[in-house]
C-alpha atoms as a PDB file:
ATOM      1  CA  MET A   1     -44.941 -60.335  53.198  1.00  0.00           C
ATOM      2  CA  CYS A   2     -46.702 -57.036  52.673  1.00  0.00           C
ATOM      3  CA  GLY A   3     -44.148 -55.279  54.916  1.00  0.00           C
ATOM      4  CA  MET A   4     -41.265 -56.830  53.031  1.00  0.00           C
ATOM      5  CA  ALA A   5     -42.798 -55.778  49.701  1.00  0.00           C
ATOM      6  CA  GLN A   6     -43.233 -52.214  50.908  1.00  0.00           C
ATOM      7  CA  GLU A   7     -39.628 -52.115  52.133  1.00  0.00           C
ATOM      8  CA  VAL A   8     -38.388 -53.315  48.731  1.00  0.00           C
ATOM      9  CA  VAL A   9     -40.490 -50.688  46.937  1.00  0.00           C
ATOM     10  CA  MET A  10     -39.173 -47.962  49.244  1.00  0.00           C
ATOM     11  CA  LYS A  11     -35.569 -49.035  48.571  1.00  0.00           C
ATOM     12  CA  GLN A  12     -36.189 -48.943  44.815  1.00  0.00           C
ATOM     13  CA  GLN A  13     -37.735 -45.477  45.041  1.00  0.00           C
ATOM     14  CA  LYS A  14     -34.789 -44.279  47.126  1.00  0.00           C
ATOM     15  CA  ALA A  15     -32.301 -45.683  44.600  1.00  0.00           C
ATOM     16  CA  GLU A  16     -34.172 -44.002  41.751  1.00  0.00           C
ATOM     17  CA  LYS A  17     -34.137 -40.676  43.622  1.00  0.00           C
ATOM     18  CA  GLN A  18     -30.371 -40.981  44.214  1.00  0.00           C
ATOM     19  CA  LYS A  19     -29.860 -41.833  40.543  1.00  0.00           C
ATOM     20  CA  LEU A  20     -31.916 -38.825  39.435  1.00  0.00           C
ATOM     21  CA  SER A  21     -30.119 -36.511  41.846  1.00  0.00           C
ATOM     22  CA  GLY A  22     -26.758 -37.838  40.621  1.00  0.00           C
ATOM     23  CA  THR A  23     -27.777 -37.232  36.993  1.00  0.00           C
ATOM     24  CA  ALA A  24     -28.909 -33.709  37.820  1.00  0.00           C
ATOM     25  CA  GLU A  25     -25.650 -33.028  39.650  1.00  0.00           C
ATOM     26  CA  THR A  26     -23.652 -34.329  36.680  1.00  0.00           C
ATOM     27  CA  HIS A  27     -25.658 -32.142  34.280  1.00  0.00           C
ATOM     28  CA  ARG A  28     -25.136 -29.123  36.528  1.00  0.00           C
ATOM     29  CA  LYS A  29     -21.375 -29.720  36.614  1.00  0.00           C
ATOM     30  CA  LYS A  30     -21.287 -30.044  32.827  1.00  0.00           C
ATOM     31  CA  GLN A  31     -23.125 -26.726  32.514  1.00  0.00           C
ATOM     32  CA  GLN A  32     -20.643 -25.108  34.879  1.00  0.00           C
ATOM     33  CA  ASN A  33     -17.706 -26.527  32.947  1.00  0.00           C
ATOM     34  CA  SER A  34     -19.130 -25.367  29.627  1.00  0.00           C
ATOM     35  CA  SER A  35     -19.790 -21.881  30.985  1.00  0.00           C
ATOM     36  CA  LEU A  36     -16.239 -21.764  32.331  1.00  0.00           C
ATOM     37  CA  THR A  37     -14.933 -22.830  28.931  1.00  0.00           C
ATOM     38  CA  ILE A  38     -16.968 -20.120  27.219  1.00  0.00           C
ATOM     39  CA  MET A  39     -15.716 -17.520  29.684  1.00  0.00           C
ATOM     40  CA  SER A  40     -12.152 -18.725  29.169  1.00  0.00           C
ATOM     41  CA  ASN A  41     -12.452 -18.510  25.408  1.00  0.00           C
ATOM     42  CA  TYR A  42     -14.039 -15.088  25.663  1.00  0.00           C
ATOM     43  CA  SER A  43     -11.223 -13.858  27.873  1.00  0.00           C
ATOM     44  CA  ASN A  44      -8.694 -15.086  25.271  1.00  0.00           C
ATOM     45  CA  ILE A  45     -10.296 -12.947  22.560  1.00  0.00           C
ATOM     46  CA  CYS A  46      -8.384  -9.661  22.272  1.00  0.00           C
ATOM     47  CA  SER A  47     -10.705  -6.949  21.018  1.00  0.00           C
ATOM     48  CA  THR A  48      -9.284  -4.044  19.005  1.00  0.00           C
ATOM     49  CA  ILE A  49     -12.557  -2.111  18.859  1.00  0.00           C
ATOM     50  CA  ASP A  50     -11.099   0.713  20.945  1.00  0.00           C
ATOM     51  CA  VAL A  51      -8.231   1.024  18.444  1.00  0.00           C
ATOM     52  CA  ASP A  52     -10.712   1.234  15.569  1.00  0.00           C
ATOM     53  CA  GLU A  53     -12.620   3.968  17.394  1.00  0.00           C
ATOM     54  CA  GLN A  54      -9.449   6.028  17.844  1.00  0.00           C
ATOM     55  CA  MET A  55      -8.475   5.565  14.209  1.00  0.00           C
ATOM     56  CA  LYS A  56     -11.795   6.988  12.975  1.00  0.00           C
ATOM     57  CA  TYR A  57     -10.728  10.502  13.947  1.00  0.00           C
ATOM     58  CA  LEU A  58      -7.050  10.034  13.106  1.00  0.00           C
ATOM     59  CA  GLU A  59      -7.915   8.876   9.575  1.00  0.00           C
ATOM     60  CA  LEU A  60      -9.843  12.087   8.921  1.00  0.00           C
ATOM     61  CA  ILE A  61      -6.942  14.201  10.181  1.00  0.00           C
ATOM     62  CA  ILE A  62      -4.523  12.373   7.863  1.00  0.00           C
ATOM     63  CA  TYR A  63      -6.686  11.669   4.813  1.00  0.00           C
ATOM     64  CA  ILE A  64      -8.303  15.072   4.236  1.00  0.00           C
ATOM     65  CA  PRO A  65      -5.035  17.035   3.760  1.00  0.00           C
ATOM     66  CA  ILE A  66      -3.489  14.196   1.730  1.00  0.00           C
ATOM     67  CA  PHE A  67      -6.526  14.052  -0.552  1.00  0.00           C
ATOM     68  CA  ILE A  68      -6.650  17.819  -1.149  1.00  0.00           C
ATOM     69  CA  VAL A  69      -2.896  18.361  -1.612  1.00  0.00           C
ATOM     70  CA  GLY A  70      -2.430  15.137  -3.577  1.00  0.00           C
ATOM     71  CA  MET A  71      -5.255  15.880  -6.003  1.00  0.00           C
ATOM     72  CA  PHE A  72      -3.925  19.394  -6.603  1.00  0.00           C
ATOM     73  CA  LEU A  73      -0.320  18.274  -7.207  1.00  0.00           C
ATOM     74  CA  ASN A  74      -1.151  15.355  -9.472  1.00  0.00           C
ATOM     75  CA  VAL A  75      -3.773  17.167 -11.557  1.00  0.00           C
ATOM     76  CA  ALA A  76      -1.364  20.107 -11.920  1.00  0.00           C
ATOM     77  CA  ALA A  77       1.403  17.699 -12.990  1.00  0.00           C
ATOM     78  CA  LEU A  78      -0.833  16.168 -15.659  1.00  0.00           C
ATOM     79  CA  VAL A  79      -1.799  19.614 -16.954  1.00  0.00           C
ATOM     80  CA  VAL A  80       1.834  20.751 -17.113  1.00  0.00           C
ATOM     81  CA  TYR A  81       3.169  17.582 -18.744  1.00  0.00           C
ATOM     82  CA  CYS A  82       0.323  17.231 -21.244  1.00  0.00           C
ATOM     83  CA  LEU A  83      -0.216  20.870 -22.223  1.00  0.00           C
ATOM     84  CA  CYS A  84       2.971  22.809 -21.501  1.00  0.00           C
ATOM     85  CA  PHE A  85       5.625  20.380 -22.748  1.00  0.00           C
ATOM     86  CA  ARG A  86       5.417  19.801 -26.469  1.00  0.00           C
ATOM     87  CA  LYS A  87       8.056  17.077 -26.665  1.00  0.00           C
ATOM     88  CA  TRP A  88       7.586  13.876 -24.691  1.00  0.00           C
ATOM     89  CA  THR A  89      10.739  12.556 -23.046  1.00  0.00           C
ATOM     90  CA  GLU A  90      11.340   9.389 -21.043  1.00  0.00           C
ATOM     91  CA  SER A  91      11.070  11.339 -17.775  1.00  0.00           C
ATOM     92  CA  THR A  92       7.795  13.071 -18.644  1.00  0.00           C
ATOM     93  CA  ILE A  93       6.228   9.758 -19.745  1.00  0.00           C
ATOM     94  CA  TYR A  94       7.166   8.037 -16.485  1.00  0.00           C
ATOM     95  CA  MET A  95       5.996  11.015 -14.441  1.00  0.00           C
ATOM     96  CA  THR A  96       2.658  11.186 -16.249  1.00  0.00           C
ATOM     97  CA  SER A  97       2.106   7.506 -15.543  1.00  0.00           C
ATOM     98  CA  LEU A  98       3.081   8.018 -11.886  1.00  0.00           C
ATOM     99  CA  ALA A  99       0.604  10.908 -11.579  1.00  0.00           C
ATOM    100  CA  LEU A 100      -2.163   8.684 -12.971  1.00  0.00           C
ATOM    101  CA  MET A 101      -1.247   5.968 -10.455  1.00  0.00           C
ATOM    102  CA  ASP A 102      -1.414   8.513  -7.635  1.00  0.00           C
ATOM    103  CA  LEU A 103      -4.848   9.677  -8.779  1.00  0.00           C
ATOM    104  CA  LEU A 104      -5.962   6.046  -8.824  1.00  0.00           C
ATOM    105  CA  LEU A 105      -4.856   5.796  -5.189  1.00  0.00           C
ATOM    106  CA  LEU A 106      -6.512   9.070  -4.185  1.00  0.00           C
ATOM    107  CA  LEU A 107      -9.940   8.455  -5.736  1.00  0.00           C
ATOM    108  CA  PRO A 108     -11.018   5.721  -3.243  1.00  0.00           C
ATOM    109  CA  LEU A 109      -9.933   7.780  -0.199  1.00  0.00           C
ATOM    110  CA  PRO A 110     -13.351   9.493   0.323  1.00  0.00           C
ATOM    111  CA  PHE A 111     -15.016   6.065   0.286  1.00  0.00           C
ATOM    112  CA  LYS A 112     -12.353   4.806   2.696  1.00  0.00           C
ATOM    113  CA  MET A 113     -13.146   7.669   5.085  1.00  0.00           C
ATOM    114  CA  HIS A 114     -16.875   6.949   4.789  1.00  0.00           C
ATOM    115  CA  ALA A 115     -16.331   3.235   5.467  1.00  0.00           C
ATOM    116  CA  ALA A 116     -14.558   4.035   8.734  1.00  0.00           C
ATOM    117  CA  TYR A 117     -17.775   5.563  10.101  1.00  0.00           C
ATOM    118  CA  GLN A 118     -20.544   3.687   8.294  1.00  0.00           C
ATOM    119  CA  THR A 119     -21.199   0.046   7.526  1.00  0.00           C
ATOM    120  CA  TRP A 120     -22.084  -0.886   3.964  1.00  0.00           C
ATOM    121  CA  SER A 121     -24.931  -3.118   2.854  1.00  0.00           C
ATOM    122  CA  HIS A 122     -23.924  -6.590   1.656  1.00  0.00           C
ATOM    123  CA  GLU A 123     -25.202  -5.607  -1.795  1.00  0.00           C
ATOM    124  CA  PHE A 124     -22.172  -3.321  -2.214  1.00  0.00           C
ATOM    125  CA  GLN A 125     -19.521  -5.996  -1.707  1.00  0.00           C
ATOM    126  CA  HIS A 126     -18.495  -5.995  -5.370  1.00  0.00           C
ATOM    127  CA  ALA A 127     -18.341  -2.195  -5.414  1.00  0.00           C
ATOM    128  CA  CYS A 128     -16.187  -2.311  -2.286  1.00  0.00           C
ATOM    129  CA  SER A 129     -13.854  -4.884  -3.860  1.00  0.00           C
ATOM    130  CA  PHE A 130     -13.531  -2.704  -6.952  1.00  0.00           C
ATOM    131  CA  LEU A 131     -12.555   0.346  -4.852  1.00  0.00           C
ATOM    132  CA  GLU A 132     -10.085  -1.741  -2.872  1.00  0.00           C
ATOM    133  CA  ASN A 133      -8.594  -2.904  -6.180  1.00  0.00           C
ATOM    134  CA  LEU A 134      -8.128   0.674  -7.367  1.00  0.00           C
ATOM    135  CA  TYR A 135      -6.467   1.581  -4.071  1.00  0.00           C
ATOM    136  CA  PHE A 136      -3.955  -1.270  -4.160  1.00  0.00           C
ATOM    137  CA  VAL A 137      -3.288  -0.865  -7.892  1.00  0.00           C
ATOM    138  CA  GLY A 138      -2.506   2.814  -7.315  1.00  0.00           C
ATOM    139  CA  THR A 139      -0.251   1.966  -4.363  1.00  0.00           C
ATOM    140  CA  TYR A 140       1.844  -0.775  -5.957  1.00  0.00           C
ATOM    141  CA  GLY A 141       1.694   0.732  -9.430  1.00  0.00           C
ATOM    142  CA  GLY A 142       3.241   3.875  -7.941  1.00  0.00           C
ATOM    143  CA  ILE A 143       5.953   1.752  -6.313  1.00  0.00           C
ATOM    144  CA  TYR A 144       6.897   0.211  -9.645  1.00  0.00           C
ATOM    145  CA  MET A 145       6.783   3.558 -11.444  1.00  0.00           C
ATOM    146  CA  ILE A 146       9.232   5.076  -8.952  1.00  0.00           C
ATOM    147  CA  MET A 147      11.456   2.031  -9.481  1.00  0.00           C
ATOM    148  CA  CYS A 148      11.281   2.490 -13.274  1.00  0.00           C
ATOM    149  CA  ILE A 149      12.303   6.144 -12.925  1.00  0.00           C
ATOM    150  CA  GLY A 150      15.328   5.076 -10.873  1.00  0.00           C
ATOM    151  CA  VAL A 151      16.326   2.410 -13.407  1.00  0.00           C
ATOM    152  CA  ASP A 152      15.904   4.881 -16.282  1.00  0.00           C
ATOM    153  CA  ARG A 153      18.208   7.369 -14.531  1.00  0.00           C
ATOM    154  CA  TRP A 154      20.718   4.596 -13.812  1.00  0.00           C
ATOM    155  CA  LEU A 155      20.827   3.649 -17.493  1.00  0.00           C
ATOM    156  CA  ALA A 156      21.232   7.250 -18.625  1.00  0.00           C
ATOM    157  CA  ILE A 157      24.072   8.125 -16.223  1.00  0.00           C
ATOM    158  CA  CYS A 158      25.912   4.881 -15.438  1.00  0.00           C
ATOM    159  CA  HIS A 159      25.612   3.277 -18.898  1.00  0.00           C
ATOM    160  CA  PRO A 160      25.321   6.141 -21.388  1.00  0.00           C
ATOM    161  CA  PHE A 161      26.294   4.064 -24.453  1.00  0.00           C
ATOM    162  CA  LYS A 162      23.745   1.324 -23.732  1.00  0.00           C
ATOM    163  CA  ALA A 163      21.193   4.022 -22.922  1.00  0.00           C
ATOM    164  CA  LYS A 164      21.289   5.247 -26.511  1.00  0.00           C
ATOM    165  CA  GLN A 165      19.990   1.848 -27.589  1.00  0.00           C
ATOM    166  CA  LEU A 166      17.650   1.084 -24.677  1.00  0.00           C
ATOM    167  CA  ARG A 167      16.232   4.502 -23.761  1.00  0.00           C
ATOM    168  CA  SER A 168      13.600   6.174 -25.902  1.00  0.00           C
ATOM    169  CA  PRO A 169      10.122   7.652 -25.428  1.00  0.00           C
ATOM    170  CA  LYS A 170       8.684   4.577 -27.147  1.00  0.00           C
ATOM    171  CA  ALA A 171      10.520   2.218 -24.748  1.00  0.00           C
ATOM    172  CA  ALA A 172       9.311   4.289 -21.782  1.00  0.00           C
ATOM    173  CA  LEU A 173       5.723   4.109 -23.020  1.00  0.00           C
ATOM    174  CA  ILE A 174       5.942   0.318 -23.499  1.00  0.00           C
ATOM    175  CA  THR A 175       7.407  -0.029 -19.992  1.00  0.00           C
ATOM    176  CA  CYS A 176       4.589   2.026 -18.451  1.00  0.00           C
ATOM    177  CA  VAL A 177       1.915   0.024 -20.265  1.00  0.00           C
ATOM    178  CA  GLY A 178       3.610  -3.177 -19.111  1.00  0.00           C
ATOM    179  CA  VAL A 179       3.571  -1.992 -15.491  1.00  0.00           C
ATOM    180  CA  TRP A 180      -0.139  -1.132 -15.702  1.00  0.00           C
ATOM    181  CA  VAL A 181      -0.981  -4.554 -17.160  1.00  0.00           C
ATOM    182  CA  LEU A 182       1.223  -6.369 -14.638  1.00  0.00           C
ATOM    183  CA  VAL A 183      -0.221  -4.577 -11.613  1.00  0.00           C
ATOM    184  CA  PHE A 184      -3.852  -5.029 -12.676  1.00  0.00           C
ATOM    185  CA  THR A 185      -3.456  -8.726 -13.514  1.00  0.00           C
ATOM    186  CA  ALA A 186      -1.538  -9.426 -10.297  1.00  0.00           C
ATOM    187  CA  ILE A 187      -3.729  -7.483  -7.864  1.00  0.00           C
ATOM    188  CA  PHE A 188      -7.308  -7.885  -9.125  1.00  0.00           C
ATOM    189  CA  PRO A 189      -7.561 -11.691  -8.594  1.00  0.00           C
ATOM    190  CA  VAL A 190      -6.070 -11.373  -5.101  1.00  0.00           C
ATOM    191  CA  THR A 191      -8.081  -8.424  -3.792  1.00  0.00           C
ATOM    192  CA  PHE A 192     -11.410  -9.867  -4.935  1.00  0.00           C
ATOM    193  CA  ASN A 193     -10.715 -12.787  -2.557  1.00  0.00           C
ATOM    194  CA  LEU A 194      -9.759 -10.591   0.397  1.00  0.00           C
ATOM    195  CA  ARG A 195     -13.220 -10.859   1.933  1.00  0.00           C
ATOM    196  CA  THR A 196     -15.759 -13.665   2.113  1.00  0.00           C
ATOM    197  CA  LYS A 197     -19.328 -13.137   0.972  1.00  0.00           C
ATOM    198  CA  VAL A 198     -21.648 -12.170   3.816  1.00  0.00           C
ATOM    199  CA  ASP A 199     -25.375 -11.462   4.061  1.00  0.00           C
ATOM    200  CA  GLU A 200     -24.968  -8.662   6.585  1.00  0.00           C
ATOM    201  CA  GLU A 201     -23.525  -5.157   6.751  1.00  0.00           C
ATOM    202  CA  PHE A 202     -19.745  -4.802   6.690  1.00  0.00           C
ATOM    203  CA  HIS A 203     -16.948  -2.221   6.838  1.00  0.00           C
ATOM    204  CA  CYS A 204     -15.285  -1.698   3.470  1.00  0.00           C
ATOM    205  CA  PHE A 205     -11.448  -1.492   3.547  1.00  0.00           C
ATOM    206  CA  HIS A 206     -11.531  -3.222   6.948  1.00  0.00           C
ATOM    207  CA  ARG A 207     -11.709  -6.743   8.383  1.00  0.00           C
ATOM    208  CA  PHE A 208     -10.251  -8.768   5.521  1.00  0.00           C
ATOM    209  CA  SER A 209     -10.745 -12.528   5.600  1.00  0.00           C
ATOM    210  CA  GLU A 210      -7.982 -14.977   6.481  1.00  0.00           C
ATOM    211  CA  ASN A 211      -7.412 -15.497   2.746  1.00  0.00           C
ATOM    212  CA  GLY A 212      -5.853 -12.055   2.634  1.00  0.00           C
ATOM    213  CA  TRP A 213      -3.401 -12.997   5.397  1.00  0.00           C
ATOM    214  CA  SER A 214      -2.270 -16.325   3.977  1.00  0.00           C
ATOM    215  CA  PRO A 215       1.521 -16.882   3.903  1.00  0.00           C
ATOM    216  CA  LYS A 216       1.542 -17.071   0.114  1.00  0.00           C
ATOM    217  CA  VAL A 217      -0.106 -13.658  -0.286  1.00  0.00           C
ATOM    218  CA  ILE A 218       2.008 -11.880   2.350  1.00  0.00           C
ATOM    219  CA  ILE A 219       5.332 -13.360   1.174  1.00  0.00           C
ATOM    220  CA  CYS A 220       4.622 -12.334  -2.436  1.00  0.00           C
ATOM    221  CA  LEU A 221       3.521  -8.897  -1.259  1.00  0.00           C
ATOM    222  CA  GLN A 222       6.674  -8.328   0.779  1.00  0.00           C
ATOM    223  CA  ILE A 223       9.104  -9.647  -1.849  1.00  0.00           C
ATOM    224  CA  PHE A 224       7.582  -8.430  -5.121  1.00  0.00           C
ATOM    225  CA  GLY A 225       5.606  -5.486  -3.762  1.00  0.00           C
ATOM    226  CA  PHE A 226       8.255  -3.883  -1.565  1.00  0.00           C
ATOM    227  CA  LEU A 227      11.657  -5.537  -1.038  1.00  0.00           C
ATOM    228  CA  GLY A 228      12.422  -6.167  -4.716  1.00  0.00           C
ATOM    229  CA  PRO A 229      11.584  -2.630  -5.930  1.00  0.00           C
ATOM    230  CA  ALA A 230      13.223  -1.089  -2.826  1.00  0.00           C
ATOM    231  CA  LEU A 231      16.541  -2.910  -3.342  1.00  0.00           C
ATOM    232  CA  THR A 232      16.484  -2.077  -7.048  1.00  0.00           C
ATOM    233  CA  LEU A 233      15.839   1.605  -6.399  1.00  0.00           C
ATOM    234  CA  VAL A 234      18.442   1.898  -3.632  1.00  0.00           C
ATOM    235  CA  CYS A 235      21.156   0.129  -5.674  1.00  0.00           C
ATOM    236  CA  CYS A 236      20.479   2.286  -8.749  1.00  0.00           C
ATOM    237  CA  SER A 237      20.425   5.474  -6.675  1.00  0.00           C
ATOM    238  CA  VAL A 238      23.705   4.684  -4.912  1.00  0.00           C
ATOM    239  CA  GLN A 239      25.446   3.952  -8.214  1.00  0.00           C
ATOM    240  CA  ILE A 240      24.076   7.142  -9.799  1.00  0.00           C
ATOM    241  CA  ILE A 241      25.227   9.370  -6.933  1.00  0.00           C
ATOM    242  CA  TRP A 242      28.626   7.649  -6.837  1.00  0.00           C
ATOM    243  CA  THR A 243      29.067   8.070 -10.617  1.00  0.00           C
ATOM    244  CA  LEU A 244      28.195  11.763 -10.490  1.00  0.00           C
ATOM    245  CA  GLN A 245      30.583  12.360  -7.592  1.00  0.00           C
ATOM    246  CA  GLU A 246      33.393  10.487  -9.348  1.00  0.00           C
ATOM    247  CA  SER A 247      32.906  12.485 -12.539  1.00  0.00           C
ATOM    248  CA  GLY A 248      33.116  15.726 -10.599  1.00  0.00           C
ATOM    249  CA  GLN A 249      30.181  17.224 -12.478  1.00  0.00           C
ATOM    250  CA  ARG A 250      28.581  20.266 -10.860  1.00  0.00           C
ATOM    251  CA  SER A 251      26.337  21.299 -13.730  1.00  0.00           C
ATOM    252  CA  THR A 252      22.721  22.314 -13.261  1.00  0.00           C
ATOM    253  CA  LYS A 253      21.562  19.139 -14.994  1.00  0.00           C
ATOM    254  CA  SER A 254      23.598  16.837 -12.735  1.00  0.00           C
ATOM    255  CA  GLN A 255      22.389  18.651  -9.616  1.00  0.00           C
ATOM    256  CA  ALA A 256      18.793  18.333 -10.812  1.00  0.00           C
ATOM    257  CA  CYS A 257      19.368  14.622 -11.377  1.00  0.00           C
ATOM    258  CA  VAL A 258      20.641  14.184  -7.808  1.00  0.00           C
ATOM    259  CA  LYS A 259      17.559  16.001  -6.485  1.00  0.00           C
ATOM    260  CA  ILE A 260      15.302  13.687  -8.512  1.00  0.00           C
ATOM    261  CA  ILE A 261      17.101  10.647  -7.085  1.00  0.00           C
ATOM    262  CA  TYR A 262      16.761  11.842  -3.493  1.00  0.00           C
ATOM    263  CA  SER A 263      13.115  12.808  -3.950  1.00  0.00           C
ATOM    264  CA  GLY A 264      12.374   9.369  -5.464  1.00  0.00           C
ATOM    265  CA  LEU A 265      14.022   7.628  -2.504  1.00  0.00           C
ATOM    266  CA  CYS A 266      12.072   9.834  -0.101  1.00  0.00           C
ATOM    267  CA  ALA A 267       8.755   9.206  -1.875  1.00  0.00           C
ATOM    268  CA  PHE A 268       9.420   5.455  -1.737  1.00  0.00           C
ATOM    269  CA  LEU A 269      11.121   4.621   1.562  1.00  0.00           C
ATOM    270  CA  VAL A 270       9.390   7.098   3.896  1.00  0.00           C
ATOM    271  CA  PRO A 271       5.777   5.986   3.222  1.00  0.00           C
ATOM    272  CA  PHE A 272       6.198   2.295   2.379  1.00  0.00           C
ATOM    273  CA  THR A 273       8.828   1.014   4.828  1.00  0.00           C
ATOM    274  CA  PRO A 274       6.668   1.463   7.979  1.00  0.00           C
ATOM    275  CA  SER A 275       3.507   0.158   6.269  1.00  0.00           C
ATOM    276  CA  HIS A 276       5.127  -3.064   5.053  1.00  0.00           C
ATOM    277  CA  LEU A 277       6.793  -3.608   8.423  1.00  0.00           C
ATOM    278  CA  ALA A 278       3.341  -3.239  10.016  1.00  0.00           C
ATOM    279  CA  ILE A 279       1.856  -5.716   7.515  1.00  0.00           C
ATOM    280  CA  LEU A 280       4.554  -8.235   8.478  1.00  0.00           C
ATOM    281  CA  LEU A 281       3.809  -7.814  12.191  1.00  0.00           C
ATOM    282  CA  GLN A 282       0.052  -8.179  11.612  1.00  0.00           C
ATOM    283  CA  PHE A 283       0.762 -11.334   9.628  1.00  0.00           C
ATOM    284  CA  LEU A 284       2.593 -12.750  12.691  1.00  0.00           C
ATOM    285  CA  VAL A 285      -0.507 -11.948  14.771  1.00  0.00           C
ATOM    286  CA  HIS A 286      -2.731 -13.893  12.340  1.00  0.00           C
ATOM    287  CA  GLN A 287      -0.264 -16.796  12.479  1.00  0.00           C
ATOM    288  CA  LYS A 288      -0.636 -16.846  16.313  1.00  0.00           C
ATOM    289  CA  MET A 289       3.064 -16.061  16.717  1.00  0.00           C
ATOM    290  CA  ILE A 290       2.153 -12.898  18.664  1.00  0.00           C
ATOM    291  CA  GLU A 291      -0.711 -13.428  21.132  1.00  0.00           C
ATOM    292  CA  ASP A 292      -0.145 -10.892  23.906  1.00  0.00           C
ATOM    293  CA  CYS A 293      -3.200  -8.622  23.900  1.00  0.00           C
ATOM    294  CA  ASP A 294      -1.279  -5.378  24.482  1.00  0.00           C
ATOM    295  CA  SER A 295       1.086  -6.257  21.634  1.00  0.00           C
ATOM    296  CA  VAL A 296      -1.835  -7.123  19.353  1.00  0.00           C
ATOM    297  CA  LYS A 297      -3.482  -3.757  20.060  1.00  0.00           C
ATOM    298  CA  SER A 298      -0.220  -1.880  19.518  1.00  0.00           C
ATOM    299  CA  ILE A 299       0.364  -3.659  16.209  1.00  0.00           C
ATOM    300  CA  SER A 300      -3.198  -2.898  15.098  1.00  0.00           C
ATOM    301  CA  MET A 301      -2.682   0.794  15.872  1.00  0.00           C
ATOM    302  CA  PHE A 302       0.716   0.777  14.136  1.00  0.00           C
ATOM    303  CA  LEU A 303      -0.714  -0.954  11.051  1.00  0.00           C
ATOM    304  CA  GLN A 304      -3.650   1.405  10.605  1.00  0.00           C
ATOM    305  CA  THR A 305      -1.536   4.515  11.236  1.00  0.00           C
ATOM    306  CA  ALA A 306       1.233   3.376   8.872  1.00  0.00           C
ATOM    307  CA  MET A 307      -1.272   2.503   6.139  1.00  0.00           C
ATOM    308  CA  CYS A 308      -2.832   5.956   6.473  1.00  0.00           C
ATOM    309  CA  LEU A 309       0.534   7.722   6.323  1.00  0.00           C
ATOM    310  CA  SER A 310       1.670   5.624   3.345  1.00  0.00           C
ATOM    311  CA  ASN A 311      -0.754   7.634   1.213  1.00  0.00           C
ATOM    312  CA  ILE A 312       1.496  10.651   1.696  1.00  0.00           C
ATOM    313  CA  THR A 313       3.489   9.296  -1.245  1.00  0.00           C
ATOM    314  CA  CYS A 314       0.973  11.110  -3.462  1.00  0.00           C
ATOM    315  CA  CYS A 315       2.255  14.390  -2.023  1.00  0.00           C
ATOM    316  CA  LEU A 316       5.953  13.419  -1.926  1.00  0.00           C
ATOM    317  CA  ASP A 317       5.804  12.542  -5.617  1.00  0.00           C
ATOM    318  CA  GLY A 318       5.175  16.239  -6.177  1.00  0.00           C
ATOM    319  CA  LEU A 319       8.877  16.796  -5.452  1.00  0.00           C
ATOM    320  CA  CYS A 320       9.724  14.495  -8.355  1.00  0.00           C
ATOM    321  CA  TYR A 321       7.285  16.366 -10.610  1.00  0.00           C
ATOM    322  CA  TYR A 322       8.865  19.696  -9.762  1.00  0.00           C
ATOM    323  CA  PHE A 323      12.465  18.553 -10.305  1.00  0.00           C
ATOM    324  CA  ILE A 324      11.594  16.766 -13.557  1.00  0.00           C
ATOM    325  CA  ALA A 325       9.834  19.885 -14.868  1.00  0.00           C
ATOM    326  CA  ASP A 326      12.804  22.007 -13.823  1.00  0.00           C
ATOM    327  CA  GLU A 327      15.166  19.601 -15.579  1.00  0.00           C
ATOM    328  CA  VAL A 328      13.115  19.656 -18.791  1.00  0.00           C
ATOM    329  CA  LYS A 329      13.033  23.463 -18.752  1.00  0.00           C
ATOM    330  CA  SER A 330      16.802  23.701 -18.207  1.00  0.00           C
ATOM    331  CA  THR A 331      17.389  21.210 -21.007  1.00  0.00           C
ATOM    332  CA  ARG A 332      15.180  23.222 -23.369  1.00  0.00           C
ATOM    333  CA  ASN A 333      16.935  26.459 -22.407  1.00  0.00           C
ATOM    334  CA  SER A 334      20.394  24.973 -22.918  1.00  0.00           C
ATOM    335  CA  PHE A 335      19.283  23.575 -26.278  1.00  0.00           C
ATOM    336  CA  ARG A 336      17.985  26.996 -27.341  1.00  0.00           C
ATOM    337  CA  MET A 337      21.206  28.670 -26.195  1.00  0.00           C
ATOM    338  CA  SER A 338      23.316  26.181 -28.143  1.00  0.00           C
ATOM    339  CA  ARG A 339      21.262  26.727 -31.281  1.00  0.00           C
ATOM    340  CA  LEU A 340      21.466  30.498 -30.843  1.00  0.00           C
ATOM    341  CA  SER A 341      25.241  30.401 -30.410  1.00  0.00           C
ATOM    342  CA  GLN A 342      25.529  28.127 -33.430  1.00  0.00           C
ATOM    343  CA  ARG A 343      23.533  30.587 -35.555  1.00  0.00           C
ATOM    344  CA  ARG A 344      25.723  33.459 -34.381  1.00  0.00           C
ATOM    345  CA  ALA A 345      28.828  31.488 -35.267  1.00  0.00           C
ATOM    346  CA  ASN A 346      27.462  30.709 -38.722  1.00  0.00           C
ATOM    347  CA  SER A 347      26.513  34.319 -39.317  1.00  0.00           C
ATOM    348  CA  SER A 348      29.959  35.540 -38.236  1.00  0.00           C
ATOM    349  CA  THR A 349      31.764  33.092 -40.534  1.00  0.00           C
ATOM    350  CA  SER A 350      29.537  34.059 -43.455  1.00  0.00           C
ATOM    351  CA  GLU A 351      30.673  37.658 -43.125  1.00  0.00           C
ATOM    352  CA  PHE A 352      34.267  36.652 -43.858  1.00  0.00           C
END
């Protein structure tokens, strides 16, 4: 009996050992599977840190000349328009507003350069959001100002009789104020939600939250921020150039108008077409429609480079300032010559 009892106890101990070893083996396999899953997920993450490192130096190369030249051109434009021209016209009002928009875009650039190299404390999130707001208001406010200049030219040349009723310095001022109000009210609520609140250091102007890449935001940005103004400007410009060619005018004023149209198209399409194409591609990356790592890195590089170069609009607008000032001077000179000739005619008739 004792032998049988010992044999039973030994069998139970053996079964318990097998059960424990089986449990340990199962736990070990689970750990292996979980580690494999973690490694798999890690391998699927495409890091763009190397792109960000390259862009640190490229941003300085691009931003420093743009900031210096842009500040000089826009401050000079404000001085000329506000101090040298006594009479405010529709063109000078629009150009003054455009120069202010460009300055609003340029002011955050030093902070943008600093944020590329240094992280900011979480206490400065609201300050960062405010600077981001100024940057985007200056960008899209400038887009709408260039569009308004094109529409104003279209009215003056293609519809001269309606222009007498619709165009005036007062109407231009109301339009500019309306653009400022529209841009601020449209952009401020959106940009303050571009990043989520964090309790750690962050890079300002970088790493926006998924809220900033939602379909609603990107579709509105592409349609109302770029495509709508671009189509409006291109259609107005084509009709203006066609009207001037059909009329056969070769006067100094008509040639200056054509130069203003071409400079406006250049200041709009050259900087903003690549940047908005890059935004669309980055949106497809966030929507998981583009997942290849090499493509993701290329799009990240394209986006950051295009966004940097889009700030060159502050310098290209200087062409518009120059041609507008030249047009105003030629108009004043022609007006003086007409008055002088009229006085001479009156004096000659009085002699008879």
